[in-house]
Amino acid sequence: MSEQQNNSPRQAAVNALISWAKTGWGYYSMRDAVDNYLELCGANRPSIGGEDTILAHRKIAASRLAIDCIYALSKEELSKVDRELEGIVSNVPRPGRGIRR
C-alpha cells in the first residue's frame, strides 16, 4: 500500500474505528473520522432521490469501512463497530441546519 493510501480519509476512519473498538477510547475522534470520510467520498451529496438516497449511500460507505475493519477485530468488537456505524449513518446531515450567528 502506498504512503498516500495510508493517509486517506478512508484509512483514517478505519484506523479510528479499530482503535475505538479495541480500547473504548477516542469515540469523538472516531465519529469525526467517519463523518469526514462520508463527506469526502460523496455519500452526503444531495441527489434526485433525496434523503433516502443519501442514507443508502451512507450505508454503502459505512459497509466499506466495516469490511476494512474485519481483519483486526474480534466478533464482539466488529458488532460494536457495526452498531455504532448504524447510528452514525442514520444521522443524515441536513443542509442549512448549521450553527447560525
PDB file of N, CA and C in Angstrom:
ATOM      1  N   MET A   1       0.845  -1.177   0.000  1.00  0.00           N
ATOM      2  CA  MET A   1       0.000   0.000   0.000  1.00  0.00           C
ATOM      3  C   MET A   1       0.890   1.240   0.000  1.00  0.00           C
ATOM      4  N   SER A   2       0.548   2.211  -0.820  1.00  0.00           N
ATOM      5  CA  SER A   2       1.386   3.397  -0.932  1.00  0.00           C
ATOM      6  C   SER A   2       1.203   4.318   0.266  1.00  0.00           C
ATOM      7  N   GLU A   3       2.123   5.253   0.418  1.00  0.00           N
ATOM      8  CA  GLU A   3       2.068   6.240   1.500  1.00  0.00           C
ATOM      9  C   GLU A   3       0.784   7.039   1.440  1.00  0.00           C
ATOM     10  N   GLN A   4       0.367   7.423   0.242  1.00  0.00           N
ATOM     11  CA  GLN A   4      -0.836   8.240   0.081  1.00  0.00           C
ATOM     12  C   GLN A   4      -2.078   7.462   0.532  1.00  0.00           C
ATOM     13  N   GLN A   5      -2.170   6.188   0.217  1.00  0.00           N
ATOM     14  CA  GLN A   5      -3.317   5.386   0.625  1.00  0.00           C
ATOM     15  C   GLN A   5      -3.373   5.227   2.134  1.00  0.00           C
ATOM     16  N   ASN A   6      -2.223   5.143   2.788  1.00  0.00           N
ATOM     17  CA  ASN A   6      -2.196   5.002   4.239  1.00  0.00           C
ATOM     18  C   ASN A   6      -2.781   6.214   4.939  1.00  0.00           C
ATOM     19  N   ASN A   7      -2.710   7.375   4.323  1.00  0.00           N
ATOM     20  CA  ASN A   7      -3.177   8.599   4.942  1.00  0.00           C
ATOM     21  C   ASN A   7      -4.537   9.041   4.403  1.00  0.00           C
ATOM     22  N   SER A   8      -5.238   8.179   3.684  1.00  0.00           N
ATOM     23  CA  SER A   8      -6.517   8.548   3.101  1.00  0.00           C
ATOM     24  C   SER A   8      -7.575   8.696   4.194  1.00  0.00           C
ATOM     25  N   PRO A   9      -8.620   9.476   3.918  1.00  0.00           N
ATOM     26  CA  PRO A   9      -9.714   9.604   4.891  1.00  0.00           C
ATOM     27  C   PRO A   9     -10.339   8.245   5.226  1.00  0.00           C
ATOM     28  N   ARG A  10     -10.418   7.362   4.234  1.00  0.00           N
ATOM     29  CA  ARG A  10     -10.969   6.027   4.492  1.00  0.00           C
ATOM     30  C   ARG A  10     -10.102   5.270   5.479  1.00  0.00           C
ATOM     31  N   GLN A  11      -8.799   5.291   5.256  1.00  0.00           N
ATOM     32  CA  GLN A  11      -7.896   4.578   6.164  1.00  0.00           C
ATOM     33  C   GLN A  11      -7.893   5.220   7.546  1.00  0.00           C
ATOM     34  N   ALA A  12      -7.990   6.543   7.610  1.00  0.00           N
ATOM     35  CA  ALA A  12      -8.060   7.230   8.907  1.00  0.00           C
ATOM     36  C   ALA A  12      -9.310   6.794   9.666  1.00  0.00           C
ATOM     37  N   ALA A  13     -10.443   6.666   8.967  1.00  0.00           N
ATOM     38  CA  ALA A  13     -11.681   6.224   9.602  1.00  0.00           C
ATOM     39  C   ALA A  13     -11.560   4.781  10.081  1.00  0.00           C
ATOM     40  N   VAL A  14     -10.982   3.925   9.253  1.00  0.00           N
ATOM     41  CA  VAL A  14     -10.791   2.524   9.629  1.00  0.00           C
ATOM     42  C   VAL A  14      -9.895   2.423  10.859  1.00  0.00           C
ATOM     43  N   ASN A  15      -8.795   3.139  10.849  1.00  0.00           N
ATOM     44  CA  ASN A  15      -7.875   3.114  11.995  1.00  0.00           C
ATOM     45  C   ASN A  15      -8.565   3.604  13.265  1.00  0.00           C
ATOM     46  N   ALA A  16      -9.357   4.675  13.143  1.00  0.00           N
ATOM     47  CA  ALA A  16     -10.062   5.225  14.303  1.00  0.00           C
ATOM     48  C   ALA A  16     -11.106   4.229  14.818  1.00  0.00           C
ATOM     49  N   LEU A  17     -11.823   3.576  13.908  1.00  0.00           N
ATOM     50  CA  LEU A  17     -12.814   2.576  14.314  1.00  0.00           C
ATOM     51  C   LEU A  17     -12.155   1.406  15.038  1.00  0.00           C
ATOM     52  N   ILE A  18     -11.058   0.920  14.508  1.00  0.00           N
ATOM     53  CA  ILE A  18     -10.360  -0.213  15.123  1.00  0.00           C
ATOM     54  C   ILE A  18      -9.849   0.178  16.508  1.00  0.00           C
ATOM     55  N   SER A  19      -9.234   1.326  16.601  1.00  0.00           N
ATOM     56  CA  SER A  19      -8.703   1.782  17.885  1.00  0.00           C
ATOM     57  C   SER A  19      -9.820   1.933  18.916  1.00  0.00           C
ATOM     58  N   TRP A  20     -10.920   2.572  18.527  1.00  0.00           N
ATOM     59  CA  TRP A  20     -12.046   2.767  19.443  1.00  0.00           C
ATOM     60  C   TRP A  20     -12.651   1.424  19.855  1.00  0.00           C
ATOM     61  N   ALA A  21     -12.825   0.506  18.911  1.00  0.00           N
ATOM     62  CA  ALA A  21     -13.432  -0.793  19.226  1.00  0.00           C
ATOM     63  C   ALA A  21     -12.576  -1.595  20.191  1.00  0.00           C
ATOM     64  N   LYS A  22     -11.263  -1.495  20.045  1.00  0.00           N
ATOM     65  CA  LYS A  22     -10.359  -2.269  20.888  1.00  0.00           C
ATOM     66  C   LYS A  22     -10.151  -1.642  22.266  1.00  0.00           C
ATOM     67  N   THR A  23     -10.142  -0.302  22.349  1.00  0.00           N
ATOM     68  CA  THR A  23      -9.785   0.361  23.611  1.00  0.00           C
ATOM     69  C   THR A  23     -10.948   1.074  24.289  1.00  0.00           C
ATOM     70  N   GLY A  24     -11.958   1.460  23.505  1.00  0.00           N
ATOM     71  CA  GLY A  24     -13.041   2.265  24.069  1.00  0.00           C
ATOM     72  C   GLY A  24     -12.700   3.741  24.139  1.00  0.00           C
ATOM     73  N   TRP A  25     -11.507   4.088  23.730  1.00  0.00           N
ATOM     74  CA  TRP A  25     -11.056   5.487  23.765  1.00  0.00           C
ATOM     75  C   TRP A  25     -11.143   6.102  22.377  1.00  0.00           C
ATOM     76  N   GLY A  26     -11.333   7.417  22.340  1.00  0.00           N
ATOM     77  CA  GLY A  26     -11.317   8.133  21.074  1.00  0.00           C
ATOM     78  C   GLY A  26     -12.645   8.118  20.340  1.00  0.00           C
ATOM     79  N   TYR A  27     -13.740   8.059  21.104  1.00  0.00           N
ATOM     80  CA  TYR A  27     -15.067   7.990  20.497  1.00  0.00           C
ATOM     81  C   TYR A  27     -15.328   9.167  19.560  1.00  0.00           C
ATOM     82  N   TYR A  28     -15.087  10.384  20.027  1.00  0.00           N
ATOM     83  CA  TYR A  28     -15.391  11.557  19.206  1.00  0.00           C
ATOM     84  C   TYR A  28     -14.435  11.691  18.027  1.00  0.00           C
ATOM     85  N   SER A  29     -13.202  11.296  18.201  1.00  0.00           N
ATOM     86  CA  SER A  29     -12.254  11.283  17.083  1.00  0.00           C
ATOM     87  C   SER A  29     -12.691  10.287  16.024  1.00  0.00           C
ATOM     88  N   MET A  30     -13.185   9.136  16.484  1.00  0.00           N
ATOM     89  CA  MET A  30     -13.670   8.111  15.559  1.00  0.00           C
ATOM     90  C   MET A  30     -14.877   8.632  14.786  1.00  0.00           C
ATOM     91  N   ARG A  31     -15.832   9.243  15.485  1.00  0.00           N
ATOM     92  CA  ARG A  31     -17.024   9.789  14.802  1.00  0.00           C
ATOM     93  C   ARG A  31     -16.627  10.861  13.790  1.00  0.00           C
ATOM     94  N   ASP A  32     -15.693  11.725  14.185  1.00  0.00           N
ATOM     95  CA  ASP A  32     -15.232  12.769  13.269  1.00  0.00           C
ATOM     96  C   ASP A  32     -14.575  12.163  12.033  1.00  0.00           C
ATOM     97  N   ALA A  33     -13.755  11.132  12.226  1.00  0.00           N
ATOM     98  CA  ALA A  33     -13.072  10.489  11.098  1.00  0.00           C
ATOM     99  C   ALA A  33     -14.084   9.820  10.166  1.00  0.00           C
ATOM    100  N   VAL A  34     -15.097   9.165  10.734  1.00  0.00           N
ATOM    101  CA  VAL A  34     -16.120   8.521   9.906  1.00  0.00           C
ATOM    102  C   VAL A  34     -16.941   9.577   9.165  1.00  0.00           C
ATOM    103  N   ASP A  35     -17.363  10.626   9.875  1.00  0.00           N
ATOM    104  CA  ASP A  35     -18.120  11.704   9.227  1.00  0.00           C
ATOM    105  C   ASP A  35     -17.313  12.366   8.113  1.00  0.00           C
ATOM    106  N   ASN A  36     -16.028  12.576   8.359  1.00  0.00           N
ATOM    107  CA  ASN A  36     -15.149  13.165   7.349  1.00  0.00           C
ATOM    108  C   ASN A  36     -15.084  12.264   6.116  1.00  0.00           C
ATOM    109  N   TYR A  37     -14.927  10.966   6.324  1.00  0.00           N
ATOM    110  CA  TYR A  37     -14.896  10.028   5.204  1.00  0.00           C
ATOM    111  C   TYR A  37     -16.214  10.053   4.433  1.00  0.00           C
ATOM    112  N   LEU A  38     -17.335  10.026   5.143  1.00  0.00           N
ATOM    113  CA  LEU A  38     -18.640  10.037   4.480  1.00  0.00           C
ATOM    114  C   LEU A  38     -18.819  11.296   3.640  1.00  0.00           C
ATOM    115  N   GLU A  39     -18.334  12.398   4.143  1.00  0.00           N
ATOM    116  CA  GLU A  39     -18.433  13.657   3.395  1.00  0.00           C
ATOM    117  C   GLU A  39     -17.529  13.635   2.166  1.00  0.00           C
ATOM    118  N   LEU A  40     -16.278  13.230   2.349  1.00  0.00           N
ATOM    119  CA  LEU A  40     -15.303  13.280   1.256  1.00  0.00           C
ATOM    120  C   LEU A  40     -15.561  12.231   0.172  1.00  0.00           C
ATOM    121  N   CYS A  41     -16.185  11.117   0.522  1.00  0.00           N
ATOM    122  CA  CYS A  41     -16.459  10.100  -0.500  1.00  0.00           C
ATOM    123  C   CYS A  41     -17.740  10.399  -1.271  1.00  0.00           C
ATOM    124  N   GLY A  42     -18.451  11.448  -0.872  1.00  0.00           N
ATOM    125  CA  GLY A  42     -19.637  11.867  -1.608  1.00  0.00           C
ATOM    126  C   GLY A  42     -20.934  11.254  -1.120  1.00  0.00           C
ATOM    127  N   ALA A  43     -20.911  10.554  -0.003  1.00  0.00           N
ATOM    128  CA  ALA A  43     -22.125   9.899   0.495  1.00  0.00           C
ATOM    129  C   ALA A  43     -23.198  10.897   0.924  1.00  0.00           C
ATOM    130  N   ASN A  44     -22.802  12.127   1.240  1.00  0.00           N
ATOM    131  CA  ASN A  44     -23.763  13.134   1.697  1.00  0.00           C
ATOM    132  C   ASN A  44     -24.266  14.033   0.574  1.00  0.00           C
ATOM    133  N   ARG A  45     -23.804  13.780  -0.644  1.00  0.00           N
ATOM    134  CA  ARG A  45     -24.146  14.636  -1.769  1.00  0.00           C
ATOM    135  C   ARG A  45     -25.635  14.543  -2.084  1.00  0.00           C
ATOM    136  N   PRO A  46     -26.326  15.672  -2.142  1.00  0.00           N
ATOM    137  CA  PRO A  46     -27.755  15.635  -2.483  1.00  0.00           C
ATOM    138  C   PRO A  46     -27.965  15.089  -3.890  1.00  0.00           C
ATOM    139  N   SER A  47     -29.071  14.384  -4.063  1.00  0.00           N
ATOM    140  CA  SER A  47     -29.373  13.831  -5.375  1.00  0.00           C
ATOM    141  C   SER A  47     -30.882  13.776  -5.561  1.00  0.00           C
ATOM    142  N   ILE A  48     -31.292  13.270  -6.699  1.00  0.00           N
ATOM    143  CA  ILE A  48     -32.707  13.225  -7.058  1.00  0.00           C
ATOM    144  C   ILE A  48     -33.519  12.421  -6.043  1.00  0.00           C
ATOM    145  N   GLY A  49     -32.960  11.383  -5.502  1.00  0.00           N
ATOM    146  CA  GLY A  49     -33.683  10.526  -4.561  1.00  0.00           C
ATOM    147  C   GLY A  49     -33.881  11.121  -3.185  1.00  0.00           C
ATOM    148  N   GLY A  50     -33.286  12.281  -2.946  1.00  0.00           N
ATOM    149  CA  GLY A  50     -33.453  12.952  -1.659  1.00  0.00           C
ATOM    150  C   GLY A  50     -32.750  12.238  -0.519  1.00  0.00           C
ATOM    151  N   GLU A  51     -33.345  12.365   0.663  1.00  0.00           N
ATOM    152  CA  GLU A  51     -32.729  11.843   1.879  1.00  0.00           C
ATOM    153  C   GLU A  51     -32.568  10.323   1.845  1.00  0.00           C
ATOM    154  N   ASP A  52     -33.502   9.615   1.213  1.00  0.00           N
ATOM    155  CA  ASP A  52     -33.397   8.154   1.129  1.00  0.00           C
ATOM    156  C   ASP A  52     -32.146   7.733   0.358  1.00  0.00           C
ATOM    157  N   THR A  53     -31.831   8.455  -0.703  1.00  0.00           N
ATOM    158  CA  THR A  53     -30.639   8.138  -1.492  1.00  0.00           C
ATOM    159  C   THR A  53     -29.374   8.455  -0.703  1.00  0.00           C
ATOM    160  N   ILE A  54     -29.375   9.569  -0.007  1.00  0.00           N
ATOM    161  CA  ILE A  54     -28.220   9.919   0.826  1.00  0.00           C
ATOM    162  C   ILE A  54     -28.006   8.834   1.882  1.00  0.00           C
ATOM    163  N   LEU A  55     -29.084   8.415   2.526  1.00  0.00           N
ATOM    164  CA  LEU A  55     -28.989   7.371   3.540  1.00  0.00           C
ATOM    165  C   LEU A  55     -28.427   6.073   2.950  1.00  0.00           C
ATOM    166  N   ALA A  56     -28.881   5.703   1.759  1.00  0.00           N
ATOM    167  CA  ALA A  56     -28.366   4.495   1.102  1.00  0.00           C
ATOM    168  C   ALA A  56     -26.877   4.627   0.800  1.00  0.00           C
ATOM    169  N   HIS A  57     -26.456   5.782   0.313  1.00  0.00           N
ATOM    170  CA  HIS A  57     -25.029   5.996   0.028  1.00  0.00           C
ATOM    171  C   HIS A  57     -24.199   5.943   1.308  1.00  0.00           C
ATOM    172  N   ARG A  58     -24.722   6.514   2.389  1.00  0.00           N
ATOM    173  CA  ARG A  58     -24.016   6.478   3.676  1.00  0.00           C
ATOM    174  C   ARG A  58     -23.885   5.040   4.179  1.00  0.00           C
ATOM    175  N   LYS A  59     -24.939   4.223   3.987  1.00  0.00           N
ATOM    176  CA  LYS A  59     -24.882   2.827   4.422  1.00  0.00           C
ATOM    177  C   LYS A  59     -23.838   2.043   3.631  1.00  0.00           C
ATOM    178  N   ILE A  60     -23.780   2.283   2.328  1.00  0.00           N
ATOM    179  CA  ILE A  60     -22.789   1.598   1.493  1.00  0.00           C
ATOM    180  C   ILE A  60     -21.377   1.982   1.917  1.00  0.00           C
ATOM    181  N   ALA A  61     -21.144   3.271   2.125  1.00  0.00           N
ATOM    182  CA  ALA A  61     -19.812   3.732   2.533  1.00  0.00           C
ATOM    183  C   ALA A  61     -19.440   3.171   3.907  1.00  0.00           C
ATOM    184  N   ALA A  62     -20.400   3.126   4.831  1.00  0.00           N
ATOM    185  CA  ALA A  62     -20.129   2.579   6.158  1.00  0.00           C
ATOM    186  C   ALA A  62     -19.838   1.079   6.082  1.00  0.00           C
ATOM    187  N   SER A  63     -20.499   0.386   5.176  1.00  0.00           N
ATOM    188  CA  SER A  63     -20.233  -1.047   4.994  1.00  0.00           C
ATOM    189  C   SER A  63     -18.798  -1.275   4.531  1.00  0.00           C
ATOM    190  N   ARG A  64     -18.319  -0.386   3.655  1.00  0.00           N
ATOM    191  CA  ARG A  64     -16.912  -0.483   3.223  1.00  0.00           C
ATOM    192  C   ARG A  64     -15.969  -0.353   4.416  1.00  0.00           C
ATOM    193  N   LEU A  65     -16.284   0.584   5.296  1.00  0.00           N
ATOM    194  CA  LEU A  65     -15.438   0.773   6.484  1.00  0.00           C
ATOM    195  C   LEU A  65     -15.460  -0.478   7.358  1.00  0.00           C
ATOM    196  N   ALA A  66     -16.649  -1.029   7.592  1.00  0.00           N
ATOM    197  CA  ALA A  66     -16.763  -2.225   8.429  1.00  0.00           C
ATOM    198  C   ALA A  66     -15.986  -3.393   7.819  1.00  0.00           C
ATOM    199  N   ILE A  67     -16.086  -3.558   6.512  1.00  0.00           N
ATOM    200  CA  ILE A  67     -15.341  -4.628   5.839  1.00  0.00           C
ATOM    201  C   ILE A  67     -13.841  -4.442   6.025  1.00  0.00           C
ATOM    202  N   ASP A  68     -13.392  -3.194   5.938  1.00  0.00           N
ATOM    203  CA  ASP A  68     -11.965  -2.912   6.110  1.00  0.00           C
ATOM    204  C   ASP A  68     -11.488  -3.163   7.546  1.00  0.00           C
ATOM    205  N   CYS A  69     -12.409  -3.231   8.506  1.00  0.00           N
ATOM    206  CA  CYS A  69     -12.054  -3.465   9.911  1.00  0.00           C
ATOM    207  C   CYS A  69     -12.019  -4.952  10.277  1.00  0.00           C
ATOM    208  N   ILE A  70     -12.594  -5.801   9.444  1.00  0.00           N
ATOM    209  CA  ILE A  70     -12.772  -7.217   9.791  1.00  0.00           C
ATOM    210  C   ILE A  70     -11.468  -7.881  10.209  1.00  0.00           C
ATOM    211  N   TYR A  71     -10.390  -7.608   9.495  1.00  0.00           N
ATOM    212  CA  TYR A  71      -9.124  -8.315   9.753  1.00  0.00           C
ATOM    213  C   TYR A  71      -8.585  -8.072  11.154  1.00  0.00           C
ATOM    214  N   ALA A  72      -8.933  -6.948  11.766  1.00  0.00           N
ATOM    215  CA  ALA A  72      -8.294  -6.564  13.022  1.00  0.00           C
ATOM    216  C   ALA A  72      -9.176  -6.744  14.253  1.00  0.00           C
ATOM    217  N   LEU A  73     -10.446  -7.084  14.062  1.00  0.00           N
ATOM    218  CA  LEU A  73     -11.371  -7.087  15.195  1.00  0.00           C
ATOM    219  C   LEU A  73     -11.937  -8.468  15.485  1.00  0.00           C
ATOM    220  N   SER A  74     -12.245  -8.667  16.764  1.00  0.00           N
ATOM    221  CA  SER A  74     -12.962  -9.879  17.165  1.00  0.00           C
ATOM    222  C   SER A  74     -14.428  -9.730  16.757  1.00  0.00           C
ATOM    223  N   LYS A  75     -15.169 -10.803  16.891  1.00  0.00           N
ATOM    224  CA  LYS A  75     -16.594 -10.774  16.548  1.00  0.00           C
ATOM    225  C   LYS A  75     -17.335  -9.730  17.386  1.00  0.00           C
ATOM    226  N   GLU A  76     -17.028  -9.651  18.673  1.00  0.00           N
ATOM    227  CA  GLU A  76     -17.680  -8.689  19.565  1.00  0.00           C
ATOM    228  C   GLU A  76     -17.313  -7.256  19.192  1.00  0.00           C
ATOM    229  N   GLU A  77     -16.044  -7.035  18.895  1.00  0.00           N
ATOM    230  CA  GLU A  77     -15.604  -5.684  18.507  1.00  0.00           C
ATOM    231  C   GLU A  77     -16.235  -5.263  17.190  1.00  0.00           C
ATOM    232  N   LEU A  78     -16.349  -6.194  16.259  1.00  0.00           N
ATOM    233  CA  LEU A  78     -16.977  -5.885  14.971  1.00  0.00           C
ATOM    234  C   LEU A  78     -18.466  -5.568  15.155  1.00  0.00           C
ATOM    235  N   SER A  79     -19.130  -6.273  16.050  1.00  0.00           N
ATOM    236  CA  SER A  79     -20.535  -5.963  16.354  1.00  0.00           C
ATOM    237  C   SER A  79     -20.663  -4.561  16.935  1.00  0.00           C
ATOM    238  N   LYS A  80     -19.731  -4.190  17.786  1.00  0.00           N
ATOM    239  CA  LYS A  80     -19.714  -2.844  18.374  1.00  0.00           C
ATOM    240  C   LYS A  80     -19.556  -1.795  17.270  1.00  0.00           C
ATOM    241  N   VAL A  81     -18.650  -2.039  16.348  1.00  0.00           N
ATOM    242  CA  VAL A  81     -18.425  -1.124  15.216  1.00  0.00           C
ATOM    243  C   VAL A  81     -19.679  -1.047  14.345  1.00  0.00           C
ATOM    244  N   ASP A  82     -20.274  -2.188  14.050  1.00  0.00           N
ATOM    245  CA  ASP A  82     -21.492  -2.208  13.221  1.00  0.00           C
ATOM    246  C   ASP A  82     -22.608  -1.386  13.858  1.00  0.00           C
ATOM    247  N   ARG A  83     -22.818  -1.562  15.153  1.00  0.00           N
ATOM    248  CA  ARG A  83     -23.876  -0.807  15.850  1.00  0.00           C
ATOM    249  C   ARG A  83     -23.597   0.693  15.806  1.00  0.00           C
ATOM    250  N   GLU A  84     -22.357   1.065  16.028  1.00  0.00           N
ATOM    251  CA  GLU A  84     -22.017   2.490  16.041  1.00  0.00           C
ATOM    252  C   GLU A  84     -22.123   3.088  14.650  1.00  0.00           C
ATOM    253  N   LEU A  85     -21.668   2.369  13.637  1.00  0.00           N
ATOM    254  CA  LEU A  85     -21.783   2.865  12.264  1.00  0.00           C
ATOM    255  C   LEU A  85     -23.245   3.052  11.876  1.00  0.00           C
ATOM    256  N   GLU A  86     -24.100   2.147  12.325  1.00  0.00           N
ATOM    257  CA  GLU A  86     -25.532   2.275  12.041  1.00  0.00           C
ATOM    258  C   GLU A  86     -26.078   3.587  12.619  1.00  0.00           C
ATOM    259  N   GLY A  87     -25.649   3.928  13.829  1.00  0.00           N
ATOM    260  CA  GLY A  87     -26.076   5.182  14.442  1.00  0.00           C
ATOM    261  C   GLY A  87     -25.536   6.398  13.717  1.00  0.00           C
ATOM    262  N   ILE A  88     -24.275   6.342  13.316  1.00  0.00           N
ATOM    263  CA  ILE A  88     -23.663   7.456  12.595  1.00  0.00           C
ATOM    264  C   ILE A  88     -24.345   7.654  11.244  1.00  0.00           C
ATOM    265  N   VAL A  89     -24.584   6.558  10.548  1.00  0.00           N
ATOM    266  CA  VAL A  89     -25.194   6.615   9.217  1.00  0.00           C
ATOM    267  C   VAL A  89     -26.603   7.206   9.275  1.00  0.00           C
ATOM    268  N   SER A  90     -27.366   6.839  10.291  1.00  0.00           N
ATOM    269  CA  SER A  90     -28.755   7.302  10.372  1.00  0.00           C
ATOM    270  C   SER A  90     -28.861   8.782  10.712  1.00  0.00           C
ATOM    271  N   ASN A  91     -27.779   9.381  11.158  1.00  0.00           N
ATOM    272  CA  ASN A  91     -27.757  10.806  11.485  1.00  0.00           C
ATOM    273  C   ASN A  91     -27.363  11.600  10.239  1.00  0.00           C
ATOM    274  N   VAL A  92     -28.284  11.656   9.276  1.00  0.00           N
ATOM    275  CA  VAL A  92     -28.029  12.319   7.988  1.00  0.00           C
ATOM    276  C   VAL A  92     -27.965  13.825   8.198  1.00  0.00           C
ATOM    277  N   PRO A  93     -26.877  14.459   7.736  1.00  0.00           N
ATOM    278  CA  PRO A  93     -26.791  15.917   7.870  1.00  0.00           C
ATOM    279  C   PRO A  93     -27.856  16.606   7.019  1.00  0.00           C
ATOM    280  N   ARG A  94     -28.457  17.616   7.583  1.00  0.00           N
ATOM    281  CA  ARG A  94     -29.481  18.377   6.865  1.00  0.00           C
ATOM    282  C   ARG A  94     -28.876  19.687   6.390  1.00  0.00           C
ATOM    283  N   PRO A  95     -29.006  19.996   5.097  1.00  0.00           N
ATOM    284  CA  PRO A  95     -28.446  21.253   4.597  1.00  0.00           C
ATOM    285  C   PRO A  95     -29.150  22.448   5.243  1.00  0.00           C
ATOM    286  N   GLY A  96     -28.355  23.465   5.555  1.00  0.00           N
ATOM    287  CA  GLY A  96     -28.905  24.703   6.093  1.00  0.00           C
ATOM    288  C   GLY A  96     -29.238  24.645   7.566  1.00  0.00           C
ATOM    289  N   ARG A  97     -28.826  23.577   8.244  1.00  0.00           N
ATOM    290  CA  ARG A  97     -29.104  23.478   9.675  1.00  0.00           C
ATOM    291  C   ARG A  97     -27.845  23.600  10.507  1.00  0.00           C
ATOM    292  N   GLY A  98     -26.889  24.341  10.017  1.00  0.00           N
ATOM    293  CA  GLY A  98     -25.657  24.537  10.753  1.00  0.00           C
ATOM    294  C   GLY A  98     -25.840  25.570  11.854  1.00  0.00           C
ATOM    295  N   ILE A  99     -24.777  25.873  12.536  1.00  0.00           N
ATOM    296  CA  ILE A  99     -24.814  26.874  13.588  1.00  0.00           C
ATOM    297  C   ILE A  99     -24.929  28.248  12.946  1.00  0.00           C
ATOM    298  N   ARG A 100     -25.873  28.992  13.416  1.00  0.00           N
ATOM    299  CA  ARG A 100     -26.073  30.335  12.872  1.00  0.00           C
ATOM    300  C   ARG A 100     -25.703  31.360  13.921  1.00  0.00           C
ATOM    301  N   ARG A 101     -25.177  32.479  13.439  1.00  0.00           N
ATOM    302  CA  ARG A 101     -24.785  33.545  14.364  1.00  0.00           C
ATOM    303  C   ARG A 101     -25.687  34.725  14.183  1.00  0.00           C
TER     304      ARG A 101
END
